[in-house]
N, C-alpha and C. Protein backbone atom coordinates (compact mmCIF):
# COMPACT_ATOMS: atom_id res chain seq x y z
N MET A 1 0.52 -1.20 0.05
CA MET A 1 0.12 0.07 0.05
C MET A 1 1.02 1.10 -0.06
N LYS A 2 0.33 2.12 -1.04
CA LYS A 2 1.39 3.35 -1.16
C LYS A 2 0.77 4.83 -0.87
N ALA A 3 -0.55 4.63 -1.12
CA ALA A 3 -1.24 6.01 -0.95
C ALA A 3 -2.63 5.55 -0.36
N VAL A 4 -3.23 6.73 0.33
CA VAL A 4 -4.70 6.84 0.71
C VAL A 4 -5.50 7.99 -0.14
N ILE A 5 -6.62 7.57 -0.79
CA ILE A 5 -7.36 8.40 -1.49
C ILE A 5 -8.59 8.83 -0.65
N PHE A 6 -8.64 10.07 -0.10
CA PHE A 6 -9.78 10.36 0.57
C PHE A 6 -11.06 10.91 -0.34
N ASP A 7 -12.13 10.53 -0.01
CA ASP A 7 -13.45 11.29 -0.60
C ASP A 7 -13.35 12.57 0.15
N MET A 8 -14.43 13.57 -0.37
CA MET A 8 -14.45 14.82 0.30
C MET A 8 -15.64 14.85 1.20
N ASP A 9 -16.71 15.09 0.59
CA ASP A 9 -18.12 15.16 1.26
C ASP A 9 -18.32 14.12 2.17
N GLY A 10 -18.33 14.29 3.41
CA GLY A 10 -18.71 13.32 4.45
C GLY A 10 -17.65 12.51 4.83
N ILE A 11 -16.45 13.06 4.21
CA ILE A 11 -15.12 12.31 4.75
C ILE A 11 -14.21 13.53 5.44
N ILE A 12 -13.96 14.28 4.57
CA ILE A 12 -13.10 15.49 5.07
C ILE A 12 -13.93 16.59 5.71
N ILE A 13 -14.86 16.94 4.86
CA ILE A 13 -15.94 18.00 5.53
C ILE A 13 -17.48 17.51 5.67
N ASP A 14 -17.90 17.93 6.78
CA ASP A 14 -19.24 17.71 7.28
C ASP A 14 -20.56 18.27 6.46
N SER A 15 -20.48 18.11 5.07
CA SER A 15 -21.01 18.66 3.93
C SER A 15 -22.36 18.19 3.84
N GLU A 16 -22.82 17.12 4.14
CA GLU A 16 -24.02 16.19 3.72
C GLU A 16 -25.22 17.30 4.17
N PRO A 17 -25.32 17.69 5.34
CA PRO A 17 -26.37 18.72 5.85
C PRO A 17 -26.50 19.66 4.92
N LEU A 18 -25.25 20.37 4.71
CA LEU A 18 -25.27 21.59 3.62
C LEU A 18 -25.71 21.28 2.29
N TRP A 19 -25.36 20.08 1.73
CA TRP A 19 -25.81 19.69 0.55
C TRP A 19 -27.61 19.45 0.47
N ARG A 20 -28.12 18.83 1.50
CA ARG A 20 -29.33 19.04 1.80
C ARG A 20 -30.08 20.11 1.48
N GLU A 21 -29.71 21.03 2.30
CA GLU A 21 -30.17 22.43 2.42
C GLU A 21 -30.03 22.92 0.95
N ALA A 22 -28.82 22.90 0.51
CA ALA A 22 -28.62 23.61 -0.91
C ALA A 22 -29.45 22.84 -2.04
N GLU A 23 -29.58 21.48 -1.86
CA GLU A 23 -30.62 20.78 -2.95
C GLU A 23 -31.93 21.55 -2.81
N ARG A 24 -32.47 21.24 -1.42
CA ARG A 24 -33.92 21.59 -1.52
C ARG A 24 -34.14 23.15 -1.89
N LYS A 25 -33.28 23.86 -1.63
CA LYS A 25 -33.37 25.53 -1.87
C LYS A 25 -33.42 25.50 -3.58
N ALA A 26 -32.47 24.83 -4.21
CA ALA A 26 -32.26 24.73 -5.95
C ALA A 26 -33.43 24.40 -6.62
N PHE A 27 -33.78 23.29 -5.99
CA PHE A 27 -35.01 22.39 -6.62
C PHE A 27 -36.35 23.06 -6.36
N ALA A 28 -36.46 23.69 -5.05
CA ALA A 28 -37.60 24.36 -4.72
C ALA A 28 -38.08 25.51 -5.81
N GLU A 29 -36.89 26.26 -6.37
CA GLU A 29 -37.01 27.22 -7.10
C GLU A 29 -37.52 26.69 -8.49
N VAL A 30 -37.40 25.51 -8.94
CA VAL A 30 -38.14 25.03 -10.16
C VAL A 30 -39.52 24.16 -9.62
N GLY A 31 -39.81 24.30 -8.69
CA GLY A 31 -41.16 23.55 -8.25
C GLY A 31 -41.04 22.15 -7.60
N LEU A 32 -39.81 21.74 -7.30
CA LEU A 32 -39.55 20.42 -6.84
C LEU A 32 -39.24 20.27 -5.57
N GLU A 33 -40.05 19.96 -4.63
CA GLU A 33 -39.89 19.58 -3.09
C GLU A 33 -39.26 18.51 -2.91
N LEU A 34 -38.13 18.38 -2.26
CA LEU A 34 -37.29 17.09 -1.93
C LEU A 34 -37.30 17.09 -0.39
N SER A 35 -37.25 15.96 -0.07
CA SER A 35 -36.95 15.60 1.59
C SER A 35 -35.72 15.16 1.81
N ASP A 36 -35.39 14.87 2.99
CA ASP A 36 -33.88 14.63 3.25
C ASP A 36 -33.45 13.04 2.73
N SER A 37 -34.66 12.36 2.81
CA SER A 37 -34.42 11.02 1.96
C SER A 37 -34.41 11.02 0.47
N ASP A 38 -35.06 11.94 0.01
CA ASP A 38 -34.59 12.06 -1.58
C ASP A 38 -33.39 12.65 -1.80
N CYS A 39 -32.73 13.50 -1.06
CA CYS A 39 -31.50 13.82 -1.34
C CYS A 39 -30.42 12.86 -1.03
N GLU A 40 -30.71 11.92 -0.30
CA GLU A 40 -29.96 10.85 -0.01
C GLU A 40 -29.71 9.86 -1.14
N ARG A 41 -30.62 9.96 -2.09
CA ARG A 41 -30.55 9.13 -2.95
C ARG A 41 -29.50 9.47 -4.09
N THR A 42 -29.11 10.68 -4.10
CA THR A 42 -28.24 11.10 -4.94
C THR A 42 -26.99 11.19 -4.31
N MET A 43 -26.66 10.85 -3.07
CA MET A 43 -25.53 11.11 -2.30
C MET A 43 -24.22 10.55 -2.80
N GLY A 44 -23.12 11.22 -3.29
CA GLY A 44 -22.27 10.91 -3.80
C GLY A 44 -21.99 11.03 -5.41
N MET A 45 -22.76 11.60 -5.95
CA MET A 45 -23.07 11.75 -7.56
C MET A 45 -22.54 13.26 -7.74
N ARG A 46 -22.06 13.55 -9.02
CA ARG A 46 -22.01 14.65 -9.39
C ARG A 46 -23.19 15.50 -9.59
N THR A 47 -23.08 17.02 -9.44
CA THR A 47 -24.00 17.89 -9.48
C THR A 47 -24.93 17.60 -10.99
N ASP A 48 -24.30 17.59 -12.02
CA ASP A 48 -24.88 17.39 -13.08
C ASP A 48 -25.71 16.20 -13.30
N GLU A 49 -25.14 15.20 -12.85
CA GLU A 49 -25.99 13.81 -12.79
C GLU A 49 -27.19 13.90 -11.71
N VAL A 50 -26.99 14.78 -10.76
CA VAL A 50 -27.87 14.93 -9.56
C VAL A 50 -29.19 15.81 -10.21
N ILE A 51 -28.73 16.81 -11.03
CA ILE A 51 -29.74 17.67 -11.96
C ILE A 51 -30.56 16.46 -12.81
N ALA A 52 -29.79 15.80 -13.46
CA ALA A 52 -30.35 14.87 -14.58
C ALA A 52 -31.28 13.89 -14.03
N TYR A 53 -30.84 13.28 -12.72
CA TYR A 53 -31.60 12.18 -12.10
C TYR A 53 -33.25 13.03 -11.82
N TRP A 54 -33.29 14.21 -11.09
CA TRP A 54 -34.36 14.64 -10.83
C TRP A 54 -35.18 15.19 -11.84
N PHE A 55 -34.63 15.70 -13.03
CA PHE A 55 -35.43 16.21 -14.16
C PHE A 55 -35.87 14.86 -14.87
N ALA A 56 -35.15 13.71 -14.99
CA ALA A 56 -35.92 12.63 -15.61
C ALA A 56 -37.25 12.10 -14.75
N ARG A 57 -37.18 12.38 -13.62
CA ARG A 57 -38.38 11.95 -12.69
C ARG A 57 -39.23 12.84 -12.66
N SER A 58 -39.02 14.23 -12.44
CA SER A 58 -40.02 15.32 -12.40
C SER A 58 -39.52 16.56 -13.38
N PRO A 59 -39.75 16.35 -14.60
CA PRO A 59 -39.37 17.51 -15.36
C PRO A 59 -40.05 18.94 -15.03
N TRP A 60 -39.26 19.87 -15.35
CA TRP A 60 -39.61 21.20 -15.05
C TRP A 60 -39.53 22.01 -16.39
N THR A 61 -40.36 23.05 -16.17
CA THR A 61 -40.02 24.13 -17.17
C THR A 61 -39.44 25.32 -16.67
N GLY A 62 -39.15 26.22 -17.48
CA GLY A 62 -38.44 27.57 -16.93
C GLY A 62 -36.92 27.52 -16.90
N ALA A 63 -36.32 27.39 -15.83
CA ALA A 63 -34.88 27.32 -15.75
C ALA A 63 -34.34 26.15 -16.19
N PRO A 64 -33.29 26.35 -17.35
CA PRO A 64 -32.66 25.30 -17.90
C PRO A 64 -31.81 24.60 -16.91
N ARG A 65 -31.38 23.19 -17.15
CA ARG A 65 -30.72 22.43 -16.18
C ARG A 65 -29.45 22.99 -15.81
N ASP A 66 -28.66 23.50 -16.87
CA ASP A 66 -27.37 23.92 -16.30
C ASP A 66 -27.75 25.31 -15.39
N GLU A 67 -28.66 25.96 -15.45
CA GLU A 67 -28.81 27.20 -14.63
C GLU A 67 -29.08 26.73 -13.42
N VAL A 68 -29.95 25.58 -13.08
CA VAL A 68 -30.20 25.03 -11.69
C VAL A 68 -28.73 24.55 -11.30
N GLU A 69 -28.08 23.81 -11.94
CA GLU A 69 -26.90 23.36 -11.27
C GLU A 69 -25.86 24.56 -11.08
N ARG A 70 -25.81 25.62 -11.81
CA ARG A 70 -25.09 26.67 -11.38
C ARG A 70 -25.64 27.51 -10.13
N ARG A 71 -27.02 27.36 -9.99
CA ARG A 71 -27.56 27.93 -8.73
C ARG A 71 -27.05 26.91 -7.49
N LEU A 72 -27.29 25.71 -7.88
CA LEU A 72 -26.98 24.57 -6.72
C LEU A 72 -25.41 24.87 -6.20
N ILE A 73 -24.34 24.92 -7.11
CA ILE A 73 -23.12 24.90 -6.63
C ILE A 73 -22.91 26.21 -6.22
N LEU A 74 -23.32 27.57 -6.49
CA LEU A 74 -23.04 28.61 -6.03
C LEU A 74 -23.65 28.84 -4.39
N GLN A 75 -24.92 28.24 -4.34
CA GLN A 75 -25.46 27.87 -2.81
C GLN A 75 -24.64 26.99 -1.86
N MET A 76 -24.02 25.99 -2.52
CA MET A 76 -23.22 25.20 -1.79
C MET A 76 -21.87 25.71 -1.40
N GLN A 77 -21.36 26.69 -2.42
CA GLN A 77 -20.09 27.31 -2.14
C GLN A 77 -20.14 28.28 -1.01
N THR A 78 -21.47 28.99 -0.95
CA THR A 78 -21.67 29.87 0.18
C THR A 78 -21.67 29.19 1.51
N LEU A 79 -22.57 28.15 1.40
CA LEU A 79 -22.55 27.44 2.54
C LEU A 79 -21.34 26.63 3.38
N ILE A 80 -20.54 26.39 2.46
CA ILE A 80 -19.18 25.82 2.76
C ILE A 80 -18.44 26.93 3.54
N LEU A 81 -18.17 28.02 2.95
CA LEU A 81 -17.51 29.11 3.23
C LEU A 81 -17.88 29.79 4.44
N GLU A 82 -19.33 29.53 4.73
CA GLU A 82 -19.97 30.13 5.66
C GLU A 82 -19.98 29.26 6.94
N ARG A 83 -20.24 27.86 6.80
CA ARG A 83 -20.38 27.23 7.96
C ARG A 83 -19.65 25.67 8.07
N GLY A 84 -18.76 25.79 6.74
CA GLY A 84 -18.22 24.27 6.86
C GLY A 84 -17.32 23.81 7.97
N GLN A 85 -17.26 22.71 8.40
CA GLN A 85 -16.49 22.07 9.26
C GLN A 85 -15.91 20.86 9.15
N ALA A 86 -14.66 20.55 9.56
CA ALA A 86 -14.16 19.23 9.27
C ALA A 86 -15.10 18.17 10.02
N MET A 87 -14.89 16.71 9.09
CA MET A 87 -15.53 15.73 9.95
C MET A 87 -14.89 15.33 11.00
N ALA A 88 -15.69 14.80 11.89
CA ALA A 88 -15.05 14.43 13.16
C ALA A 88 -14.11 13.08 12.89
N GLY A 89 -12.88 13.36 13.39
CA GLY A 89 -11.95 12.28 13.18
C GLY A 89 -11.02 12.41 12.03
N PHE A 90 -11.47 13.40 11.22
CA PHE A 90 -10.43 13.59 10.01
C PHE A 90 -9.12 13.79 10.13
N GLU A 91 -8.95 14.79 11.26
CA GLU A 91 -7.46 15.13 11.54
C GLU A 91 -6.77 13.80 12.22
N HIS A 92 -7.35 13.16 12.75
CA HIS A 92 -6.83 12.15 13.26
C HIS A 92 -6.35 11.11 12.21
N ALA A 93 -7.13 10.90 11.24
CA ALA A 93 -7.19 10.11 9.98
C ALA A 93 -5.78 10.53 9.19
N LEU A 94 -5.80 11.56 9.12
CA LEU A 94 -4.65 12.33 8.16
C LEU A 94 -3.29 12.04 8.96
N GLU A 95 -3.57 12.18 10.10
CA GLU A 95 -2.28 11.96 11.09
C GLU A 95 -1.80 10.47 10.93
N VAL A 96 -2.73 9.49 11.01
CA VAL A 96 -2.26 8.09 10.77
C VAL A 96 -1.87 7.97 9.49
N VAL A 97 -2.21 8.32 8.61
CA VAL A 97 -1.71 8.08 7.06
C VAL A 97 -0.58 8.75 6.98
N ARG A 98 -0.21 10.11 7.51
CA ARG A 98 1.05 10.68 7.46
C ARG A 98 2.04 9.93 8.11
N ALA A 99 1.64 9.65 9.29
CA ALA A 99 2.61 8.83 10.27
C ALA A 99 3.33 7.56 9.60
N ALA A 100 2.54 6.94 8.78
CA ALA A 100 2.51 5.68 7.92
C ALA A 100 3.58 5.98 6.89
N GLY A 101 3.81 7.22 6.54
CA GLY A 101 4.43 7.59 5.10
C GLY A 101 3.59 7.39 4.04
N LEU A 102 2.65 7.12 4.10
CA LEU A 102 1.58 7.19 2.90
C LEU A 102 1.38 8.37 2.42
N ARG A 103 1.29 8.39 0.88
CA ARG A 103 0.90 9.50 0.27
C ARG A 103 -0.61 9.66 0.21
N THR A 104 -1.06 10.87 0.00
CA THR A 104 -2.44 11.38 0.20
C THR A 104 -2.78 11.96 -1.11
N ALA A 105 -4.05 11.68 -1.45
CA ALA A 105 -4.79 12.30 -2.51
C ALA A 105 -6.19 12.44 -2.14
N LEU A 106 -6.91 13.34 -2.92
CA LEU A 106 -8.46 13.63 -2.81
C LEU A 106 -9.13 13.34 -4.14
N ALA A 107 -10.24 12.55 -4.12
CA ALA A 107 -11.01 12.45 -5.30
C ALA A 107 -12.39 12.40 -5.05
N SER A 108 -13.01 13.50 -5.34
CA SER A 108 -14.33 13.86 -5.27
C SER A 108 -15.20 14.00 -6.29
N SER A 109 -16.42 13.68 -6.20
CA SER A 109 -17.70 13.87 -7.32
C SER A 109 -17.75 15.52 -7.38
N SER A 110 -17.53 16.38 -6.27
CA SER A 110 -17.86 17.63 -6.41
C SER A 110 -16.82 18.55 -7.36
N SER A 111 -17.63 19.65 -7.66
CA SER A 111 -16.95 20.55 -8.89
C SER A 111 -15.58 20.81 -8.31
N PRO A 112 -14.71 21.37 -9.12
CA PRO A 112 -13.41 22.12 -8.66
C PRO A 112 -13.67 23.31 -7.69
N VAL A 113 -14.72 24.09 -8.11
CA VAL A 113 -14.86 25.37 -7.51
C VAL A 113 -15.32 24.75 -5.98
N LEU A 114 -15.99 23.76 -5.66
CA LEU A 114 -16.25 23.38 -4.32
C LEU A 114 -15.28 22.61 -3.47
N ILE A 115 -14.37 21.81 -4.35
CA ILE A 115 -13.15 21.21 -3.72
C ILE A 115 -12.45 22.43 -3.28
N ASP A 116 -12.06 23.55 -4.19
CA ASP A 116 -11.18 24.67 -3.89
C ASP A 116 -11.90 25.37 -2.65
N ALA A 117 -13.41 25.35 -2.35
CA ALA A 117 -13.62 26.08 -1.22
C ALA A 117 -13.42 25.32 -0.01
N VAL A 118 -13.79 24.11 -0.04
CA VAL A 118 -13.30 23.11 1.25
C VAL A 118 -11.92 23.17 1.51
N LEU A 119 -10.92 23.20 0.37
CA LEU A 119 -9.54 23.25 1.11
C LEU A 119 -9.23 24.59 1.60
N ARG A 120 -9.90 25.54 1.02
CA ARG A 120 -9.53 27.00 1.58
C ARG A 120 -10.14 27.06 2.97
N LYS A 121 -11.26 26.71 3.12
CA LYS A 121 -11.91 26.86 4.36
C LYS A 121 -11.44 26.02 5.48
N LEU A 122 -10.94 24.93 5.20
CA LEU A 122 -10.42 23.80 6.07
C LEU A 122 -8.83 23.93 6.25
N ASP A 123 -8.07 25.03 5.58
CA ASP A 123 -6.74 25.29 5.39
C ASP A 123 -5.92 24.13 4.97
N LEU A 124 -6.33 23.19 3.98
CA LEU A 124 -5.83 22.10 3.46
C LEU A 124 -5.28 22.15 1.99
N THR A 125 -4.92 23.39 1.55
CA THR A 125 -4.60 23.84 0.33
C THR A 125 -3.31 22.86 -0.19
N SER A 126 -2.54 22.55 0.70
CA SER A 126 -1.27 21.95 0.56
C SER A 126 -1.10 20.59 1.12
N ALA A 127 -2.42 19.77 1.50
CA ALA A 127 -2.51 18.52 2.34
C ALA A 127 -2.55 17.41 1.23
N PHE A 128 -2.73 17.54 -0.08
CA PHE A 128 -2.93 16.46 -0.72
C PHE A 128 -2.05 16.47 -2.09
N GLU A 129 -1.25 15.44 -2.25
CA GLU A 129 -0.39 15.34 -3.40
C GLU A 129 -1.29 15.51 -4.82
N VAL A 130 -2.39 15.01 -4.84
CA VAL A 130 -3.02 14.87 -6.02
C VAL A 130 -4.74 15.36 -5.54
N VAL A 131 -5.09 16.16 -6.47
CA VAL A 131 -6.53 16.44 -6.12
C VAL A 131 -7.30 16.36 -7.42
N ARG A 132 -8.40 15.45 -7.54
CA ARG A 132 -9.11 15.23 -8.56
C ARG A 132 -10.74 15.35 -8.59
N SER A 133 -11.28 15.99 -9.58
CA SER A 133 -12.74 16.15 -9.48
C SER A 133 -13.24 15.08 -10.58
N ALA A 134 -14.41 14.52 -10.11
CA ALA A 134 -14.88 13.41 -11.30
C ALA A 134 -15.72 14.34 -12.34
N ILE A 135 -15.63 15.55 -12.22
CA ILE A 135 -16.26 16.41 -13.32
C ILE A 135 -15.34 16.22 -14.56
N HIS A 136 -14.09 16.01 -14.17
CA HIS A 136 -13.28 15.60 -15.61
C HIS A 136 -13.32 14.05 -16.25
N GLU A 137 -14.19 13.28 -15.65
CA GLU A 137 -14.27 12.04 -15.95
C GLU A 137 -15.69 12.06 -16.94
N SER A 138 -15.58 11.05 -17.79
CA SER A 138 -16.83 10.82 -18.59
C SER A 138 -18.11 10.51 -17.94
N LEU A 139 -17.71 9.81 -16.67
CA LEU A 139 -18.84 9.42 -15.62
C LEU A 139 -18.47 9.45 -14.32
N GLY A 140 -19.50 9.98 -13.77
CA GLY A 140 -19.10 10.01 -12.24
C GLY A 140 -19.28 8.87 -11.41
N LYS A 141 -19.13 8.92 -10.02
CA LYS A 141 -19.24 7.79 -9.18
C LYS A 141 -20.80 7.18 -9.27
N PRO A 142 -20.96 6.06 -9.53
CA PRO A 142 -20.27 4.77 -9.21
C PRO A 142 -19.26 4.22 -10.10
N HIS A 143 -19.24 4.94 -11.34
CA HIS A 143 -18.11 4.54 -12.23
C HIS A 143 -16.67 4.70 -11.80
N PRO A 144 -15.69 4.04 -11.57
CA PRO A 144 -14.41 4.04 -11.09
C PRO A 144 -13.47 5.07 -11.81
N GLY A 145 -13.84 5.91 -12.77
CA GLY A 145 -12.91 6.55 -13.42
C GLY A 145 -12.10 7.61 -12.52
N VAL A 146 -12.79 8.15 -11.72
CA VAL A 146 -12.15 9.50 -10.81
C VAL A 146 -10.92 8.59 -9.94
N PHE A 147 -11.11 7.44 -9.46
CA PHE A 147 -10.11 6.89 -8.79
C PHE A 147 -9.03 6.36 -9.51
N LEU A 148 -9.45 5.55 -10.78
CA LEU A 148 -8.46 5.22 -11.68
C LEU A 148 -7.70 6.44 -12.10
N SER A 149 -8.07 7.54 -12.34
CA SER A 149 -7.43 8.67 -12.74
C SER A 149 -6.60 9.27 -11.67
N THR A 150 -7.01 9.31 -10.29
CA THR A 150 -6.22 9.69 -9.36
C THR A 150 -4.81 8.78 -9.35
N ALA A 151 -5.20 7.53 -9.32
CA ALA A 151 -3.90 6.66 -9.29
C ALA A 151 -2.91 6.66 -10.22
N ARG A 152 -3.42 7.03 -11.56
CA ARG A 152 -2.59 7.44 -12.55
C ARG A 152 -1.61 8.68 -12.32
N GLU A 153 -2.41 9.57 -11.57
CA GLU A 153 -1.71 10.89 -11.31
C GLU A 153 -0.62 10.55 -10.36
N LEU A 154 -0.85 9.74 -9.28
CA LEU A 154 0.22 9.27 -8.25
C LEU A 154 1.12 8.51 -8.91
N GLY A 155 1.01 7.77 -10.27
CA GLY A 155 2.01 6.89 -10.64
C GLY A 155 1.82 5.47 -10.03
N LEU A 156 0.66 5.24 -9.49
CA LEU A 156 0.46 4.05 -8.70
C LEU A 156 -0.22 2.97 -9.37
N LYS A 157 -0.46 2.08 -9.16
CA LYS A 157 -1.52 0.77 -9.62
C LYS A 157 -2.66 0.98 -8.54
N ALA A 158 -3.87 0.71 -8.99
CA ALA A 158 -5.11 0.74 -8.42
C ALA A 158 -4.85 0.01 -6.95
N GLY A 159 -4.34 -1.33 -6.97
CA GLY A 159 -3.96 -2.10 -5.86
C GLY A 159 -3.24 -1.48 -4.86
N GLN A 160 -2.63 -0.19 -5.04
CA GLN A 160 -1.48 0.27 -4.08
C GLN A 160 -2.20 1.29 -3.42
N CYS A 161 -3.38 1.57 -3.71
CA CYS A 161 -4.17 2.60 -2.99
C CYS A 161 -5.48 2.08 -2.16
N THR A 162 -5.58 2.87 -0.95
CA THR A 162 -6.80 2.50 -0.04
C THR A 162 -7.77 3.77 -0.17
N VAL A 163 -9.03 3.50 -0.34
CA VAL A 163 -9.87 4.79 -0.47
C VAL A 163 -10.83 4.81 0.72
N ILE A 164 -11.04 6.03 1.30
CA ILE A 164 -11.81 6.32 2.32
C ILE A 164 -12.90 6.87 1.89
N GLU A 165 -14.01 6.33 1.81
CA GLU A 165 -15.56 6.64 1.44
C GLU A 165 -16.78 6.91 2.48
N ASP A 166 -17.64 7.68 2.14
CA ASP A 166 -19.02 7.66 3.03
C ASP A 166 -20.07 7.27 2.17
N SER A 167 -20.04 7.22 0.96
CA SER A 167 -21.33 6.86 0.16
C SER A 167 -21.02 5.64 -0.62
N ALA A 168 -22.32 4.93 -0.76
CA ALA A 168 -22.51 3.75 -1.27
C ALA A 168 -22.12 3.83 -2.80
N ALA A 169 -22.24 4.93 -3.33
CA ALA A 169 -21.83 5.02 -4.86
C ALA A 169 -20.05 5.23 -4.74
N GLY A 170 -19.83 5.75 -3.80
CA GLY A 170 -18.18 5.81 -3.86
C GLY A 170 -17.56 4.43 -3.35
N VAL A 171 -18.23 3.80 -2.50
CA VAL A 171 -17.67 2.43 -2.33
C VAL A 171 -17.64 1.55 -3.29
N GLN A 172 -18.70 1.61 -4.35
CA GLN A 172 -18.75 1.12 -5.36
C GLN A 172 -17.99 1.40 -6.44
N ALA A 173 -17.49 2.67 -6.48
CA ALA A 173 -16.62 2.90 -7.50
C ALA A 173 -15.25 2.61 -7.10
N ALA A 174 -14.84 2.64 -5.84
CA ALA A 174 -13.55 2.33 -5.44
C ALA A 174 -13.11 0.67 -5.72
N THR A 175 -14.31 -0.04 -5.41
CA THR A 175 -14.30 -1.34 -5.54
C THR A 175 -13.96 -2.07 -7.00
N ALA A 176 -14.67 -1.18 -7.70
CA ALA A 176 -14.68 -1.46 -9.08
C ALA A 176 -13.19 -1.02 -9.67
N ALA A 177 -12.64 0.02 -9.08
CA ALA A 177 -11.38 0.26 -9.36
C ALA A 177 -10.22 -0.57 -8.96
N GLY A 178 -10.63 -1.54 -8.16
CA GLY A 178 -9.67 -2.56 -7.66
C GLY A 178 -9.04 -2.13 -6.24
N MET A 179 -9.54 -1.14 -5.56
CA MET A 179 -8.85 -0.60 -4.50
C MET A 179 -9.38 -1.05 -3.31
N ARG A 180 -8.58 -1.28 -2.15
CA ARG A 180 -8.78 -1.36 -0.95
C ARG A 180 -9.85 -0.19 -0.53
N VAL A 181 -11.28 -0.67 0.23
CA VAL A 181 -12.09 0.49 0.63
C VAL A 181 -12.35 0.55 2.15
N ILE A 182 -12.10 1.75 2.88
CA ILE A 182 -12.68 1.72 4.21
C ILE A 182 -13.97 2.82 3.92
N ALA A 183 -15.22 2.31 4.44
CA ALA A 183 -16.36 2.83 4.50
C ALA A 183 -16.79 3.44 5.79
N VAL A 184 -16.99 4.88 5.66
CA VAL A 184 -17.54 5.34 6.97
C VAL A 184 -18.98 6.01 6.69
N PRO A 185 -19.91 4.96 6.77
CA PRO A 185 -21.41 5.41 6.31
C PRO A 185 -21.95 6.32 7.22
N PRO A 186 -22.90 7.05 6.98
CA PRO A 186 -23.84 7.89 7.76
C PRO A 186 -24.22 6.85 8.91
N PRO A 187 -24.49 7.00 10.08
CA PRO A 187 -24.81 6.31 11.14
C PRO A 187 -26.07 5.50 10.78
N HIS A 188 -27.14 6.10 10.27
CA HIS A 188 -28.53 5.34 9.81
C HIS A 188 -28.39 4.42 8.83
N LEU A 189 -26.99 4.34 7.91
CA LEU A 189 -26.91 3.63 6.95
C LEU A 189 -25.84 2.49 7.23
N PHE A 190 -25.44 2.38 8.40
CA PHE A 190 -24.03 1.47 8.83
C PHE A 190 -24.40 0.17 8.56
N ASP A 191 -25.57 -0.35 8.51
CA ASP A 191 -25.87 -1.78 8.21
C ASP A 191 -26.47 -1.75 6.90
N ASP A 192 -26.38 -0.84 6.20
CA ASP A 192 -27.11 -1.03 4.56
C ASP A 192 -26.40 -2.11 3.77
N PRO A 193 -26.69 -3.03 3.16
CA PRO A 193 -25.95 -3.96 2.38
C PRO A 193 -25.18 -3.42 1.38
N SER A 194 -25.50 -1.83 0.80
CA SER A 194 -24.83 -1.55 -0.08
C SER A 194 -23.26 -1.14 0.05
N TYR A 195 -23.15 -1.17 1.56
CA TYR A 195 -21.82 -0.99 2.02
C TYR A 195 -20.83 -2.21 2.23
N LYS A 196 -21.62 -3.43 1.85
CA LYS A 196 -20.85 -4.89 2.29
C LYS A 196 -19.63 -4.98 1.60
N LYS A 197 -19.18 -4.27 0.37
CA LYS A 197 -18.12 -4.82 -0.26
C LYS A 197 -16.94 -3.90 0.37
N ALA A 198 -16.98 -3.05 1.40
CA ALA A 198 -15.90 -2.51 2.01
C ALA A 198 -15.22 -3.37 2.83
N GLU A 199 -13.80 -3.21 2.95
CA GLU A 199 -13.30 -4.18 3.53
C GLU A 199 -13.24 -3.90 5.08
N VAL A 200 -13.19 -2.64 5.43
CA VAL A 200 -13.58 -2.18 6.72
C VAL A 200 -14.78 -0.95 6.75
N LYS A 201 -15.58 -1.15 7.85
CA LYS A 201 -16.52 -0.19 8.04
C LYS A 201 -16.24 0.43 9.60
N LEU A 202 -16.48 1.78 9.40
CA LEU A 202 -16.28 2.54 10.73
C LEU A 202 -17.34 3.39 10.93
N LEU A 203 -17.65 3.61 12.27
CA LEU A 203 -18.60 4.71 12.78
C LEU A 203 -18.20 6.10 12.74
N SER A 204 -16.85 6.18 12.84
CA SER A 204 -15.93 7.45 12.74
C SER A 204 -14.70 7.29 12.27
N LEU A 205 -13.96 8.34 11.66
CA LEU A 205 -12.57 8.16 11.52
C LEU A 205 -11.78 8.14 12.58
N LYS A 206 -12.31 8.50 13.69
CA LYS A 206 -11.50 8.46 15.11
C LYS A 206 -11.27 7.17 15.23
N GLU A 207 -11.86 5.91 14.67
CA GLU A 207 -11.48 4.54 14.89
C GLU A 207 -10.39 4.08 13.92
N LEU A 208 -9.90 5.10 12.98
CA LEU A 208 -9.04 4.43 12.09
C LEU A 208 -7.76 4.16 12.57
N THR A 209 -6.98 2.96 12.28
CA THR A 209 -5.65 2.43 12.71
C THR A 209 -4.91 2.14 11.49
N LEU A 210 -3.53 2.39 11.66
CA LEU A 210 -2.84 1.76 10.42
C LEU A 210 -2.94 0.46 9.91
N PRO A 211 -3.39 -0.79 10.75
CA PRO A 211 -3.40 -1.89 10.05
C PRO A 211 -4.79 -1.86 9.11
N MET A 212 -5.68 -1.02 9.21
CA MET A 212 -6.94 -1.03 8.56
C MET A 212 -6.67 -0.42 7.06
N LEU A 213 -5.42 0.12 6.91
CA LEU A 213 -4.95 0.71 5.78
C LEU A 213 -4.49 -0.28 4.89
N GLY A 214 -4.18 -1.47 5.19
CA GLY A 214 -3.65 -2.40 4.48
C GLY A 214 -2.26 -2.57 4.22
């Protein structure tokens, strides 16, 4: 094992509540009322894929899809910069990885604008050797593209990387990439079978130890 690839939302930053708030507001503007459980369906997906997901199910008129996406990203950027906080246990996890001499990377479904906002807000602009957005891939998670591209940028094989993820889509993507997966699901999804392919499941990154990294 040579490197650890961190997902961002729900692993580095406690952003899932912010995403729910931003999504409800953006979609309400086009007449679509979403619940928290509705928002959970698209957890781990790119914003363009979230927009497409809901448009396919409840088409709206008026604002085009790219405008709704722009509003969603802008709202999310504002929330991150105003209220974003690191996930409990993230600093501990980063210390464990660094103490082991492992390289670090970030691979997220979020847009580069939001990744930059998180790194600035949490003072992590120099924390990762490689930072990769799934926006630059042909498909987002659960497709493995963003993880495979991250490994290539590191100059490593997929099997030399461990991924830390919180979403089922992310676990599926990392597994498909052939990487070791540590999952930190939301507490109410801890026993969800969609996380069963993860080698390790944690309630919090505070529980992370070096042997878990493989």
